Protein backbone atom coordinates (compact mmCIF):
# COMPACT_ATOMS: atom_id res chain seq x y z
CA MET A 1 239.70 53.46 203.35
CA ALA A 2 236.36 52.05 202.61
CA LYS A 3 234.05 50.74 205.17
CA GLU A 4 234.38 46.96 205.53
CA LEU A 5 232.83 44.18 207.75
CA LEU A 6 235.81 42.68 209.62
CA HIS A 7 236.34 40.16 212.37
CA LYS A 8 237.77 41.28 215.68
CA ASP A 9 241.11 39.75 216.71
CA ALA A 10 240.45 36.59 218.92
CA GLY A 11 244.15 36.07 220.04
CA ALA A 12 246.04 32.82 219.69
CA VAL A 13 243.14 30.48 220.41
CA LEU A 14 239.50 31.17 219.37
CA THR A 15 236.64 29.03 221.03
CA ARG A 16 233.39 28.36 219.28
CA THR A 17 231.61 30.54 221.78
CA GLU A 18 233.95 33.33 221.22
CA ASP A 19 233.68 32.97 217.43
CA ASN A 20 229.82 33.10 217.59
CA ALA A 21 229.65 36.13 219.90
CA VAL A 22 227.56 39.12 218.52
CA ASP A 23 230.34 41.39 218.80
CA ARG A 24 232.86 39.43 216.98
CA HIS A 25 232.17 41.63 213.74
CA TYR A 26 232.50 45.45 213.10
CA ILE A 27 232.49 47.95 210.35
CA THR A 28 235.52 49.99 209.84
CA GLY A 29 234.64 53.71 209.83
CA GLY A 30 230.97 52.74 210.32
CA VAL A 31 228.28 55.10 211.70
CA ALA A 32 224.82 54.58 213.04
CA ASN A 33 222.16 53.25 210.58
CA ASP A 34 224.60 52.18 207.99
CA PHE A 35 223.33 49.34 205.51
CA MET A 36 225.53 46.29 204.65
CA VAL A 37 225.78 46.04 200.85
CA TYR A 38 227.37 43.36 198.88
CA ASP A 39 230.29 44.48 196.73
CA ALA A 40 230.29 42.08 193.84
CA THR A 41 233.50 43.44 192.37
CA ASN A 42 235.41 42.67 195.48
CA ALA A 43 233.23 39.76 196.71
CA LYS A 44 232.70 41.33 200.19
CA LEU A 45 230.11 43.11 202.32
CA ILE A 46 230.81 46.79 202.88
CA GLY A 47 228.93 49.59 204.73
CA LYS A 48 226.88 52.29 203.13
CA THR A 49 225.00 55.25 204.70
CA PRO A 50 221.18 55.53 204.20
CA THR A 51 221.89 58.03 201.46
CA GLU A 52 224.20 55.88 199.53
CA THR A 53 221.97 52.86 200.02
CA ALA A 54 218.99 54.87 198.58
CA ALA A 55 220.98 55.73 195.51
CA ILE A 56 221.96 52.18 194.92
CA LEU A 57 218.28 51.02 195.17
CA GLU A 58 217.04 53.84 192.94
CA ALA A 59 219.50 52.78 190.21
CA SER A 60 218.36 49.05 190.64
CA ILE A 61 214.64 50.05 190.41
CA GLU A 62 215.23 52.11 187.37
CA ALA A 63 216.90 49.29 185.73
CA ALA A 64 214.06 46.87 186.74
CA ILE A 65 211.47 49.27 185.33
CA ASP A 66 213.46 49.61 182.21
CA THR A 67 213.46 45.92 181.89
CA LEU A 68 209.76 45.63 182.46
CA ALA A 69 209.17 48.27 179.93
CA ASN A 70 210.90 46.31 177.21
CA LEU A 71 209.32 43.10 178.39
CA THR A 72 208.12 40.92 175.48
CA SER A 73 207.44 37.62 177.19
CA ILE A 74 206.47 35.98 180.34
CA GLN A 75 207.11 32.27 180.88
CA GLY A 76 207.63 31.88 177.02
CA HIS A 77 204.40 33.70 176.13
CA THR A 78 204.43 36.97 174.08
CA VAL A 79 203.41 40.08 175.87
CA THR A 80 202.86 43.29 173.93
CA LEU A 81 202.23 46.59 175.58
CA THR A 82 201.83 49.73 173.40
CA GLY A 83 201.33 52.07 176.35
CA ALA A 84 201.41 52.17 180.00
CA PHE A 85 199.81 49.35 182.07
CA ILE A 86 198.51 50.88 185.31
CA ARG A 87 196.66 48.67 187.87
CA ALA A 88 194.93 50.31 190.78
CA GLY A 89 193.33 48.55 193.76
CA ALA A 90 194.73 46.10 196.27
CA HIS A 91 192.93 43.10 195.10
CA SER A 92 193.67 39.98 193.35
CA LEU A 93 193.07 39.88 189.43
CA THR A 94 192.30 36.73 187.56
CA LEU A 95 191.68 36.62 183.90
CA THR A 96 190.26 33.37 182.63
CA THR A 97 189.92 32.49 178.87
CA SER A 98 188.26 29.42 177.44
CA ALA A 99 189.77 29.81 173.87
CA THR A 100 191.80 32.31 171.89
CA THR A 101 190.30 35.58 172.95
CA SER A 102 190.40 39.14 171.65
CA ILE A 103 188.89 41.83 173.75
CA THR A 104 188.55 45.63 172.87
CA LEU A 105 188.23 47.72 176.12
CA PRO A 106 186.34 50.96 176.13
CA THR A 107 188.32 54.27 176.45
CA THR A 108 186.58 54.86 179.90
CA GLY A 109 184.09 53.18 182.31
CA THR A 110 183.58 50.00 183.92
CA VAL A 111 183.49 46.54 182.13
CA ALA A 112 180.22 44.58 182.43
CA THR A 113 180.16 41.10 183.80
CA LEU A 114 178.21 38.13 182.74
CA ALA A 115 176.01 37.52 185.86
CA GLY A 116 176.54 40.66 187.81
CA THR A 117 173.79 43.07 188.61
CA GLU A 118 174.80 46.28 186.76
CA THR A 119 173.02 49.19 185.14
CA PHE A 120 173.66 50.05 181.46
CA THR A 121 173.73 53.72 180.27
CA ASN A 122 173.72 55.12 176.72
CA LYS A 123 174.11 51.59 175.19
CA THR A 124 173.09 50.39 171.72
CA LEU A 125 172.09 46.64 171.62
CA THR A 126 172.10 45.36 168.03
CA THR A 127 169.85 42.37 167.63
CA PRO A 128 169.85 41.19 171.28
CA ILE A 129 168.23 38.10 172.49
CA ILE A 130 165.82 39.14 175.25
CA ALA A 131 163.09 36.79 176.57
CA SER A 132 161.65 38.98 179.21
CA ILE A 133 162.07 42.46 180.80
CA TYR A 134 161.56 43.90 184.25
CA GLN A 135 160.09 47.25 184.12
CA ASP A 136 161.06 48.35 187.77
CA ALA A 137 164.02 48.00 189.93
CA GLY A 138 162.19 45.91 192.38
CA LYS A 139 161.68 43.25 189.62
CA THR A 140 157.90 43.00 190.36
CA LYS A 141 156.86 43.99 186.73
CA LEU A 142 157.82 41.38 184.41
CA MET A 143 157.15 41.78 180.65
CA THR A 144 157.52 38.81 178.33
CA VAL A 145 158.59 39.27 174.84
CA PRO A 146 156.22 37.58 172.33
CA ASN A 147 157.65 34.21 171.24
CA THR A 148 157.38 34.67 167.43
CA ALA A 149 159.71 35.03 164.64
CA SER A 150 160.39 38.42 162.78
CA ASP A 151 157.91 40.49 164.67
CA THR A 152 157.83 44.01 165.93
CA LEU A 153 156.74 45.29 169.43
CA VAL A 154 153.86 47.66 169.60
CA ALA A 155 154.96 51.22 170.62
CA LEU A 156 152.81 53.59 172.72
CA ALA A 157 152.38 56.36 170.16
CA ALA A 158 153.54 54.89 166.82
CA THR A 159 151.35 54.28 163.84
CA GLN A 160 151.26 50.56 163.65
CA THR A 161 148.97 47.80 162.18
CA LEU A 162 147.94 45.02 164.54
CA THR A 163 147.29 41.51 163.04
CA ASN A 164 145.51 38.59 164.82
CA LYS A 165 145.07 40.36 168.06
CA THR A 166 142.55 39.63 170.91
CA LEU A 167 141.43 42.85 172.68
CA THR A 168 139.75 42.07 175.96
CA SER A 169 137.44 44.96 177.07
CA PRO A 170 139.25 47.59 175.03
CA THR A 171 138.55 51.24 175.23
CA ILE A 172 138.76 52.80 171.81
CA ASN A 173 138.65 56.60 171.76
CA GLY A 174 138.74 59.10 168.81
CA THR A 175 137.53 58.60 165.30
CA ILE A 176 138.00 55.50 163.25
CA ALA A 177 139.76 56.17 160.05
CA THR A 178 137.58 56.84 157.00
CA THR A 179 138.68 53.38 155.59
CA GLY A 180 136.14 52.03 158.21
CA LEU A 181 136.28 49.17 160.77
CA THR A 182 136.07 45.72 159.34
CA LEU A 183 134.30 43.38 161.86
CA PRO A 184 134.99 39.58 161.95
CA ALA A 185 132.73 37.16 160.38
CA HIS A 186 131.38 36.19 163.84
CA ILE A 187 131.04 38.60 166.74
CA THR A 188 130.34 37.23 170.35
CA GLY A 189 128.91 39.39 173.04
CA THR A 190 127.23 42.80 172.58
CA LEU A 191 128.23 45.38 170.03
CA THR A 192 126.79 48.89 170.73
CA LEU A 193 126.51 51.77 168.32
CA SER A 194 125.33 55.00 169.52
CA GLY A 195 125.20 58.67 168.49
CA GLY A 196 124.15 58.20 164.77
CA TYR A 197 126.89 55.76 163.84
CA ALA A 198 126.25 53.50 160.82
CA MET A 199 127.47 50.10 159.79
CA LYS A 200 127.95 49.44 156.00
CA GLY A 201 129.23 46.84 153.79
CA ALA A 202 132.70 47.04 152.17
CA SER A 203 131.13 47.85 148.68
CA ASP A 204 127.89 48.82 147.20
CA SER A 205 127.21 45.30 146.31
CA ALA A 206 128.30 43.87 149.65
CA SER A 207 125.91 42.19 152.19
CA LEU A 208 125.82 42.94 155.86
CA ALA A 209 124.80 39.85 157.84
CA PHE A 210 123.52 39.66 161.46
CA LEU A 211 123.63 35.95 162.51
CA GLY A 212 121.84 34.31 165.39
CA GLY A 213 124.57 31.66 165.75
CA SER A 214 127.84 30.35 164.30
CA ALA A 215 126.92 26.75 163.36
CA ALA A 216 127.85 25.99 159.88
CA SER A 217 124.50 24.03 159.43
CA GLY A 218 122.43 27.18 160.20
CA HIS A 219 122.33 30.06 162.46
CA GLY A 220 118.64 29.76 163.83
CA ALA A 221 118.01 33.15 162.84
CA ALA A 222 119.65 35.65 160.28
CA PHE A 223 119.14 39.02 158.90
CA TYR A 224 120.96 40.03 155.77
CA LEU A 225 121.24 43.72 154.18
CA ASP A 226 122.10 43.41 150.59
CA GLY A 227 123.76 46.71 149.67
CA ASN A 228 123.71 48.76 146.47
CA ASP A 229 123.92 52.31 145.55
CA HIS A 230 120.84 54.51 145.51
CA ALA A 231 120.15 53.53 141.90
CA GLY A 232 120.32 49.83 142.49
CA ALA A 233 117.98 47.25 143.82
CA GLY A 234 118.96 46.65 147.33
CA SER A 235 117.10 44.35 149.76
CA PHE A 236 116.95 42.80 153.16
CA ARG A 237 116.28 39.19 153.96
CA ILE A 238 115.11 37.23 157.12
CA TYR A 239 115.95 33.69 157.75
CA THR A 240 114.95 31.19 160.42
CA SER A 241 115.47 27.46 160.90
CA LEU A 242 113.74 24.55 159.24
CA ALA A 243 111.87 22.18 161.33
CA ALA A 244 114.69 19.69 161.10
CA LEU A 245 116.96 22.21 162.61
CA ASN A 246 119.67 21.41 160.19
CA ALA A 247 119.49 24.66 158.00
CA ASP A 248 118.18 28.14 157.62
CA THR A 249 115.38 28.89 155.17
CA LEU A 250 114.35 32.35 153.68
CA ARG A 251 111.20 33.72 155.33
CA LEU A 252 110.91 37.42 154.04
CA THR A 253 112.40 39.40 151.23
CA VAL A 254 111.97 43.18 150.76
CA ALA A 255 113.52 44.38 147.62
CA GLY A 256 114.05 47.95 146.63
CA LYS A 257 114.43 50.09 143.34
CA ALA A 258 110.68 51.13 143.05
CA ASP A 259 108.19 53.56 144.43
CA VAL A 260 106.30 50.61 145.83
CA VAL A 261 108.68 47.69 146.80
CA LEU A 262 107.72 44.04 147.08
CA ALA A 263 107.86 42.20 150.27
CA THR A 264 108.02 38.43 149.51
CA TRP A 265 107.05 35.97 152.50
CA SER A 266 108.22 32.38 151.99
CA ALA A 267 107.01 29.26 153.79
CA THR A 268 105.42 31.64 156.33
CA ASN A 269 102.04 31.79 158.05
CA GLN A 270 101.16 35.34 159.06
CA VAL A 271 99.20 35.56 162.40
CA PHE A 272 97.77 38.87 163.27
CA GLY A 273 97.25 38.93 167.03
CA ALA A 274 94.97 41.76 168.33
CA SER A 275 95.91 43.76 165.08
CA TYR A 276 94.86 44.15 161.59
CA ALA A 277 96.08 44.51 158.01
CA SER A 278 95.23 47.78 156.26
CA PHE A 279 94.95 48.06 152.49
CA THR A 280 95.01 51.36 150.69
CA GLU A 281 93.35 51.79 147.33
CA MET A 282 95.54 51.24 144.39
CA THR A 283 95.50 50.51 140.77
CA ALA A 284 94.89 46.91 139.91
CA PRO A 285 98.35 45.22 140.17
CA GLY A 286 97.78 42.59 137.55
CA ALA A 287 98.44 38.92 137.91
CA GLY A 288 101.26 37.63 139.95
CA ALA A 289 103.64 34.59 139.54
CA ALA A 290 102.61 31.04 139.34
CA ASN A 291 100.45 29.64 142.14
CA THR A 292 99.90 33.18 143.64
CA ALA A 293 96.89 35.50 144.43
CA ARG A 294 97.26 39.08 145.08
CA ILE A 295 94.82 40.86 147.45
CA TYR A 296 94.40 44.57 147.28
CA ALA A 297 91.95 47.43 147.64
CA VAL A 298 90.65 49.15 144.56
CA VAL A 299 88.10 51.87 143.79
CA GLY A 300 84.84 50.39 142.54
CA GLY A 301 82.62 51.69 139.66
CA ASP A 302 80.61 53.53 142.25
CA THR A 303 83.69 55.38 143.72
CA PHE A 304 83.64 53.17 146.86
CA THR A 305 86.45 51.02 147.94
CA ASP A 306 86.31 47.15 146.94
CA LEU A 307 88.56 44.34 148.36
CA ALA A 308 89.80 42.26 145.36
CA ALA A 309 92.02 39.28 144.76
CA VAL A 310 93.73 38.65 141.40
CA PHE A 311 94.95 35.21 140.58
CA GLN A 312 97.87 34.08 138.18
CA ASP A 313 95.60 33.77 135.20
CA GLY A 314 94.45 37.36 135.69
CA THR A 315 91.02 36.44 137.28
CA VAL A 316 89.87 39.02 139.62
CA ALA A 317 87.43 38.34 142.38
CA ILE A 318 85.68 41.25 144.25
CA PHE A 319 84.64 39.64 147.44
CA ALA A 320 83.85 42.65 149.69
CA GLN A 321 82.67 46.14 149.15
CA GLU A 322 82.51 49.39 151.02
CA THR A 323 79.20 50.65 152.57
CA THR A 324 76.83 51.50 149.66
CA PRO A 325 75.05 54.76 149.05
CA LEU A 326 72.23 55.92 151.32
CA ASP A 327 69.52 55.37 148.72
CA SER A 328 70.52 51.69 148.20
CA PRO A 329 67.75 49.17 148.53
CA LEU A 330 69.87 47.64 151.40
CA PHE A 331 68.74 50.67 153.42
CA THR A 332 65.26 51.69 151.81
CA GLU A 333 63.73 48.23 151.80
CA PRO A 334 62.24 46.75 154.97
CA SER A 335 63.36 43.79 156.85
CA GLY A 336 61.86 40.61 155.44
CA THR A 337 61.90 41.71 151.89
CA GLU A 338 62.38 38.85 149.55
CA VAL A 339 65.07 39.27 146.92
CA LYS A 340 66.31 37.09 144.06
CA TYR A 341 69.97 35.72 143.91
CA VAL A 342 70.87 36.40 140.25
CA MET A 343 73.86 35.83 138.03
CA LYS A 344 74.47 38.51 135.64
CA LYS A 345 76.98 38.55 132.78
CA PRO A 346 77.63 42.15 131.42
CA HIS A 347 80.21 40.78 129.13
CA PRO A 348 82.27 37.55 128.75
CA GLY A 349 85.04 38.83 131.01
CA LEU A 350 82.72 39.89 133.88
CA ILE A 351 80.23 37.83 136.11
CA GLN A 352 78.15 39.36 138.84
CA PHE A 353 76.30 37.87 141.60
CA ILE A 354 73.40 40.30 142.59
CA ALA A 355 70.56 40.63 144.90
CA LYS A 356 67.52 41.88 142.86
CA TYR A 357 64.72 43.62 144.75
CA PRO A 358 61.01 43.55 143.83
CA ASP A 359 61.15 47.07 142.49
CA GLY A 360 63.84 46.06 139.99
CA ARG A 361 66.85 47.62 141.87
CA ILE A 362 70.01 45.46 142.50
CA HIS A 363 72.92 45.24 144.84
CA VAL A 364 76.10 43.50 143.68
CA LEU A 365 77.09 40.82 146.24
CA GLN A 366 80.18 39.59 144.36
CA GLU A 367 81.93 40.18 141.11
CA ILE A 368 84.42 38.09 139.09
CA GLN A 369 86.52 39.42 136.34
CA TYR A 370 88.23 37.23 133.78
CA HIS A 371 91.28 37.84 131.45
CA ASP A 372 92.18 34.36 130.48
CA ALA A 373 91.43 33.83 126.86
CA ASP A 374 90.03 30.28 127.35
CA LYS A 375 87.76 31.24 130.19
CA ILE A 376 86.45 34.33 128.37
CA ALA A 377 85.79 31.98 125.25
CA ALA A 378 83.97 29.49 127.62
CA ASN A 379 81.72 32.14 129.13
CA LYS A 380 78.33 32.04 127.19
CA GLY A 381 75.32 34.06 127.29
CA ALA A 382 76.92 37.44 128.14
CA SER A 383 74.67 40.55 127.55
CA ALA A 384 77.42 42.29 125.40
CA PRO A 385 80.85 41.64 123.89
CA LEU A 386 84.12 42.57 125.75
CA PRO A 387 84.49 46.27 126.31
CA GLN A 388 87.30 48.11 124.56
CA GLY A 389 90.61 47.96 126.52
CA TRP A 390 89.82 44.76 128.35
CA PHE A 391 93.02 42.80 128.74
CA VAL A 392 93.17 39.17 127.50
CA GLU A 393 96.12 36.66 127.82
CA THR A 394 96.52 33.26 126.36
CA ALA A 395 97.85 30.43 128.24
CA LYS A 396 101.22 30.56 126.24
CA GLU A 397 101.64 34.24 126.96
CA ARG A 398 100.89 33.71 130.73
CA GLU A 399 103.50 30.74 130.73
CA LEU A 400 106.05 33.20 129.16
CA ARG A 401 105.21 35.87 131.58
CA LEU A 402 105.61 33.54 134.58
CA GLU A 403 108.91 32.44 133.36
CA ALA A 404 109.79 36.17 133.12
CA LYS A 405 110.78 35.82 129.37
CA THR A 406 108.34 38.26 128.01
CA VAL A 407 105.01 39.90 128.79
CA LYS A 408 102.29 40.25 126.03
CA ILE A 409 99.01 41.55 126.68
CA VAL A 410 96.20 41.45 123.97
CA GLU A 411 94.07 44.54 124.03
CA VAL A 412 90.57 44.27 122.54
CA THR A 413 89.75 47.12 120.38
């Protein structure tokens, strides 16, 4: 007979106290540690040993697991499991969504959170938005990403071109590429070149400028090197301010492409302080530009050096001569000798002012040479005609020469 939970016989009369007593029930055939199990078929409680109870629980749990494995909805919402769902850790789990959400979980590892302090390893960030970066774990070295559109960060060893950068006290080692270093239009501070370095323009025809200031109205002082190749006429120019301090004006130009170059001073008075100007004998340079005079040293007819000036019309004035020969009357005649001041005209292109001594010897004090046709024609009473090879220039020819249109010299034969 199966084990059953029964009431004890209470006799003819059962009081409430007797009915509520703890010993009023018993299990038929029961043993120690039996469990009471409800028999749904017979609608009564029956006793089961621990082994029998374990078998019943196992079957019930297996049925529950089978039900969970085939679970398709919870509280009316679809649940789809394509594999085992295993949860580890005795902690509460809350998943909060703000809209329809689709998440792909990694095959292994830990899911990162929005605000947690975590370390990423072997990650590829595609077009991330990063305003600033700490370079150390202690967060003491903050690097701010440039706030500009479509730009590239500079790498330590990559070959990159920097644009619109300001370098404060940089150290530049190595050799600058053969394409050269282009300096900005204005350099502030000190630029030092050493060891035979050279600065040059971007092309043979470029100018290299050194400016005293950056004002648009003038630089106070400026030096320009006008480039060219070795076959071209390069030059350098020096400028300083006008008196009104509102512009620069050209003071000196030295132009090349000649064995002897021309240095042109403009609006400049030359002051020789405790110094001198030295002139070396040269061939007579001829007349210069309009309103000019050229001073030069030339060998005289007696092989000594004369100091001469030639004017725009070709007039040459010999106004100083080298020490005369030892047999000159300047040396042989005694002090107090009376001399005559005589004008001599060897030919229409030459006038000499001489000192004539009692014995007939002479010393040329000053000599003027004329090459202007009108002046030669106006010179009367010459001792002889113009010598062969004497150059004569008309006013028209001189005008054309000064305008740099043509040069025509009439040679008397």
